[in-house]
Amino acid sequence: MAQAKSTSVRAPRILIADDDPIVREILRNLLSSGNNFSVTGEAKNGEETVRLARELKPDLLLLDLLMPNLPGLDALKEMTTSDFMVRTIVLTAAITKQQVLQALQLGARGVVRKDALGELISAIHAVLEGQYWLDGKIVPNVVQLLNELAASTRADAPHNDFGLTPRELEIVVLVTEGCGNREIANRLTISEETVKRHLTHIFDKVGMSTRLELALFALDHNLARR
């Protein structure tokens, strides 16, 4: 009678990266408390994180956002440009929408706040299964999330008029519409000499030297939609 083959599943190997030894101990205990995870290494700074990730090739990286030598997002960027990319969950005490967007764009699969470590095990399982995790739940559509975050960060971004006066901003808008000096003068009921003087001030303030550069700059910095 043939003997049944025994099958064993290798425990997922996890690299912990956090400069705080107490946090590392908490994470190590959490992962080893009957969750069938293997802590394959611990990093105390960003440079060590990148090195260990390349050497150990873990199944998952728990990455602190704020670390010495190389901050978390910079470490993630360096790993993204290498020939090896590890599934990563960002751990942080606080994070902005812009940082969440950056982390996901750089390849992170999840974000877990340090005051919500109770969700970490669920997040790890989700990410290891190829899903994304944010705000305590699986993200069903990461493309839609990225678009929403991008739109939200643009809306939340502080306005910068680059020191331009209301009149100068009016002229910038007309330049982006392709108006020449005479048309601008007619539409604003001012002289062409006044338009030229305003344009000189505008060029000096934004560091541009041609109308095309100014138009592109205005569109890029939302100056033409005010």
Protein backbone atom coordinates (compact mmCIF):
# COMPACT_ATOMS: atom_id res chain seq x y z
CA MET A 1 0.00 0.00 0.00
CA ALA A 2 1.41 3.33 -1.13
CA GLN A 3 2.26 5.74 1.60
CA ALA A 4 0.67 9.19 1.31
CA LYS A 5 3.12 11.93 0.49
CA SER A 6 3.46 14.62 3.11
CA THR A 7 3.19 18.14 1.83
CA SER A 8 4.56 21.15 3.66
CA VAL A 9 3.99 24.76 2.79
CA ARG A 10 6.90 27.11 3.38
CA ALA A 11 6.11 29.94 5.76
CA PRO A 12 6.16 33.34 4.02
CA ARG A 13 9.47 35.09 4.71
CA ILE A 14 9.10 38.67 5.95
CA LEU A 15 11.71 41.41 6.28
CA ILE A 16 11.05 44.03 8.98
CA ALA A 17 12.45 47.52 8.41
CA ASP A 18 12.06 50.02 11.26
CA ASP A 19 14.60 52.12 13.13
CA ASP A 20 12.75 51.67 16.46
CA PRO A 21 13.83 48.42 18.23
CA ILE A 22 10.60 48.36 20.25
CA VAL A 23 8.50 48.47 17.07
CA ARG A 24 10.63 45.71 15.55
CA GLU A 25 10.06 43.55 18.62
CA ILE A 26 6.30 44.18 18.51
CA LEU A 27 6.18 43.22 14.83
CA ARG A 28 8.37 40.15 15.38
CA ASN A 29 6.11 38.93 18.20
CA LEU A 30 2.98 39.63 16.17
CA LEU A 31 4.25 37.68 13.18
CA SER A 32 5.43 34.72 15.24
CA SER A 33 2.26 34.35 17.33
CA GLY A 34 0.78 31.39 15.50
CA ASN A 35 0.56 33.18 12.15
CA ASN A 36 2.96 30.89 10.27
CA PHE A 37 5.24 33.72 9.17
CA SER A 38 9.03 33.65 9.23
CA VAL A 39 10.96 36.82 10.05
CA THR A 40 13.92 36.49 7.70
CA GLY A 41 15.70 39.68 8.74
CA GLU A 42 15.49 43.11 10.37
CA ALA A 43 16.77 46.43 9.06
CA LYS A 44 17.40 49.57 11.11
CA ASN A 45 17.70 52.12 8.30
CA GLY A 46 16.88 52.62 4.64
CA GLU A 47 20.25 51.61 3.21
CA GLU A 48 20.25 48.38 5.21
CA THR A 49 16.69 47.71 4.03
CA VAL A 50 17.68 47.89 0.37
CA ARG A 51 20.73 45.69 0.94
CA LEU A 52 18.85 43.01 2.91
CA ALA A 53 15.93 43.00 0.48
CA ARG A 54 18.34 42.25 -2.37
CA GLU A 55 20.26 39.63 -0.40
CA LEU A 56 17.41 37.82 1.34
CA LYS A 57 14.69 38.24 -1.32
CA PRO A 58 11.83 38.02 1.21
CA ASP A 59 8.23 37.35 0.23
CA LEU A 60 7.16 40.60 1.85
CA LEU A 61 8.72 43.75 3.32
CA LEU A 62 7.25 45.73 6.21
CA LEU A 63 8.71 49.18 5.59
CA ASP A 64 8.71 52.09 8.02
CA LEU A 65 8.08 55.38 6.24
CA LEU A 66 10.55 57.40 8.33
CA MET A 67 14.03 55.93 8.71
CA PRO A 68 17.56 57.34 8.91
CA ASN A 69 20.07 57.30 6.02
CA LEU A 70 17.39 56.61 3.43
CA PRO A 71 13.70 57.39 4.08
CA GLY A 72 11.15 54.67 3.36
CA LEU A 73 9.90 56.08 0.05
CA ASP A 74 13.45 56.63 -1.18
CA ALA A 75 14.34 53.04 -0.26
CA LEU A 76 11.24 51.85 -2.09
CA LYS A 77 12.24 53.90 -5.15
CA GLU A 78 15.73 52.41 -5.13
CA MET A 79 14.32 48.89 -4.98
CA THR A 80 11.86 49.68 -7.77
CA THR A 81 14.72 50.58 -10.11
CA SER A 82 16.63 47.37 -9.33
CA ASP A 83 16.15 43.95 -10.87
CA PHE A 84 14.32 42.75 -7.76
CA MET A 85 11.07 44.11 -6.36
CA VAL A 86 9.59 42.84 -3.11
CA ARG A 87 5.92 43.14 -2.20
CA THR A 88 5.82 45.91 0.37
CA ILE A 89 3.48 47.17 3.08
CA VAL A 90 4.30 50.66 4.31
CA LEU A 91 4.05 51.16 8.07
CA THR A 92 3.61 54.68 9.39
CA ALA A 93 2.30 56.71 12.31
CA ALA A 94 0.94 59.34 9.92
CA ILE A 95 0.79 59.63 6.15
CA THR A 96 -0.52 62.18 3.65
CA LYS A 97 -2.54 61.44 0.52
CA GLN A 98 0.46 62.49 -1.53
CA GLN A 99 2.69 59.97 0.29
CA VAL A 100 0.10 57.21 -0.19
CA LEU A 101 -0.01 58.03 -3.90
CA GLN A 102 3.80 58.03 -4.11
CA ALA A 103 4.08 54.73 -2.24
CA LEU A 104 1.58 52.98 -4.51
CA GLN A 105 3.17 54.45 -7.63
CA LEU A 106 6.55 53.13 -6.43
CA GLY A 107 5.15 49.61 -6.06
CA ALA A 108 3.90 49.38 -2.48
CA ARG A 109 0.95 47.02 -2.11
CA GLY A 110 -0.45 48.31 1.16
CA VAL A 111 -0.39 50.96 3.87
CA VAL A 112 -0.98 50.18 7.55
CA ARG A 113 -0.92 52.78 10.31
CA LYS A 114 1.05 51.88 13.42
CA ASP A 115 -1.97 52.64 15.60
CA ALA A 116 -3.92 49.99 13.64
CA LEU A 117 -1.53 47.03 13.76
CA GLY A 118 -4.51 44.79 14.51
CA GLU A 119 -5.20 44.81 10.77
CA LEU A 120 -1.62 43.94 9.81
CA ILE A 121 -2.09 40.16 9.55
CA SER A 122 -5.11 40.61 7.27
CA ALA A 123 -3.14 43.12 5.20
CA ILE A 124 -0.21 40.70 4.87
CA HIS A 125 -2.46 37.87 3.70
CA ALA A 126 -4.15 40.18 1.17
CA VAL A 127 -0.85 41.46 -0.25
CA LEU A 128 0.67 37.97 -0.43
CA GLU A 129 -2.39 36.94 -2.43
CA GLY A 130 -1.68 39.73 -4.92
CA GLN A 131 -4.18 42.29 -3.64
CA TYR A 132 -3.84 45.84 -2.35
CA TRP A 133 -4.64 47.05 1.17
CA LEU A 134 -5.54 50.57 2.33
CA ASP A 135 -7.66 52.11 5.09
CA GLY A 136 -8.27 48.78 6.76
CA LYS A 137 -9.60 46.93 3.72
CA ILE A 138 -8.73 45.33 0.41
CA VAL A 139 -8.63 47.76 -2.51
CA PRO A 140 -10.78 46.30 -5.31
CA ASN A 141 -9.63 48.69 -8.06
CA VAL A 142 -6.14 50.11 -7.59
CA VAL A 143 -6.23 52.08 -10.88
CA GLN A 144 -9.35 53.92 -9.76
CA LEU A 145 -7.75 54.53 -6.35
CA LEU A 146 -4.64 56.03 -7.95
CA ASN A 147 -6.76 58.32 -10.11
CA GLU A 148 -8.81 59.43 -7.09
CA LEU A 149 -5.69 60.07 -5.01
CA ALA A 150 -4.06 62.02 -7.84
CA ALA A 151 -7.16 64.18 -8.27
CA SER A 152 -7.43 64.69 -4.52
CA THR A 153 -3.80 65.71 -4.08
CA ARG A 154 -4.11 68.20 -6.93
CA ALA A 155 -7.23 69.68 -5.30
CA ASP A 156 -5.52 69.84 -1.89
CA ALA A 157 -2.32 71.41 -3.23
CA PRO A 158 -1.76 75.00 -2.06
CA HIS A 159 -2.23 77.61 -4.77
CA ASN A 160 0.90 79.45 -5.84
CA ASP A 161 0.54 82.63 -7.89
CA PHE A 162 4.32 83.15 -7.98
CA GLY A 163 3.84 86.73 -6.85
CA LEU A 164 1.75 87.65 -9.91
CA THR A 165 -0.79 90.41 -9.50
CA PRO A 166 -4.46 89.91 -10.54
CA ARG A 167 -3.78 91.93 -13.72
CA GLU A 168 -0.68 89.87 -14.52
CA LEU A 169 -2.68 86.68 -14.04
CA GLU A 170 -5.28 87.99 -16.51
CA ILE A 171 -2.52 88.53 -19.04
CA VAL A 172 -1.11 85.05 -18.42
CA VAL A 173 -4.54 83.54 -19.17
CA LEU A 174 -4.75 85.49 -22.44
CA VAL A 175 -1.23 84.43 -23.41
CA THR A 176 -2.25 80.78 -22.98
CA GLU A 177 -5.18 81.49 -25.31
CA GLY A 178 -2.71 82.62 -27.98
CA CYS A 179 -3.48 86.34 -27.81
CA GLY A 180 -0.87 88.82 -29.05
CA ASN A 181 -0.03 92.06 -27.29
CA ARG A 182 -2.51 94.14 -29.35
CA GLU A 183 -5.40 91.76 -28.66
CA ILE A 184 -4.53 91.63 -24.96
CA ALA A 185 -4.45 95.42 -24.88
CA ASN A 186 -7.86 95.67 -26.58
CA ARG A 187 -9.49 93.05 -24.34
CA LEU A 188 -8.16 94.60 -21.14
CA THR A 189 -8.54 98.20 -22.35
CA ILE A 190 -4.90 99.07 -21.72
CA SER A 191 -2.05 100.18 -24.00
CA GLU A 192 0.32 97.78 -25.75
CA GLU A 193 3.20 99.39 -23.86
CA THR A 194 1.46 98.51 -20.60
CA VAL A 195 1.03 94.90 -21.81
CA LYS A 196 4.75 94.73 -22.64
CA ARG A 197 5.67 96.10 -19.23
CA HIS A 198 3.42 93.55 -17.50
CA LEU A 199 4.93 90.72 -19.56
CA THR A 200 8.45 91.79 -18.57
CA HIS A 201 7.44 91.60 -14.89
CA ILE A 202 5.72 88.24 -15.45
CA PHE A 203 8.77 86.72 -17.17
CA ASP A 204 10.99 87.90 -14.31
CA LYS A 205 8.69 86.44 -11.62
CA VAL A 206 8.24 82.97 -13.15
CA GLY A 207 11.71 82.67 -14.69
CA MET A 208 10.50 82.23 -18.28
CA SER A 209 11.77 84.07 -21.37
CA THR A 210 9.29 83.30 -24.17
CA ARG A 211 5.51 83.32 -24.55
CA LEU A 212 5.49 79.60 -25.31
CA GLU A 213 7.44 78.81 -22.14
CA LEU A 214 5.08 81.05 -20.19
CA ALA A 215 2.00 79.32 -21.63
CA LEU A 216 3.33 75.86 -20.81
CA PHE A 217 4.36 77.00 -17.32
CA ALA A 218 0.89 78.48 -16.72
CA LEU A 219 -0.86 75.30 -17.79
CA ASP A 220 1.43 73.12 -15.70
CA HIS A 221 0.89 75.24 -12.57
CA ASN A 222 -2.83 75.78 -13.06
CA LEU A 223 -2.41 79.53 -13.54
CA ALA A 224 -4.60 79.55 -16.64
CA ARG A 225 -7.67 78.15 -14.87
CA ARG A 226 -8.14 80.74 -12.17
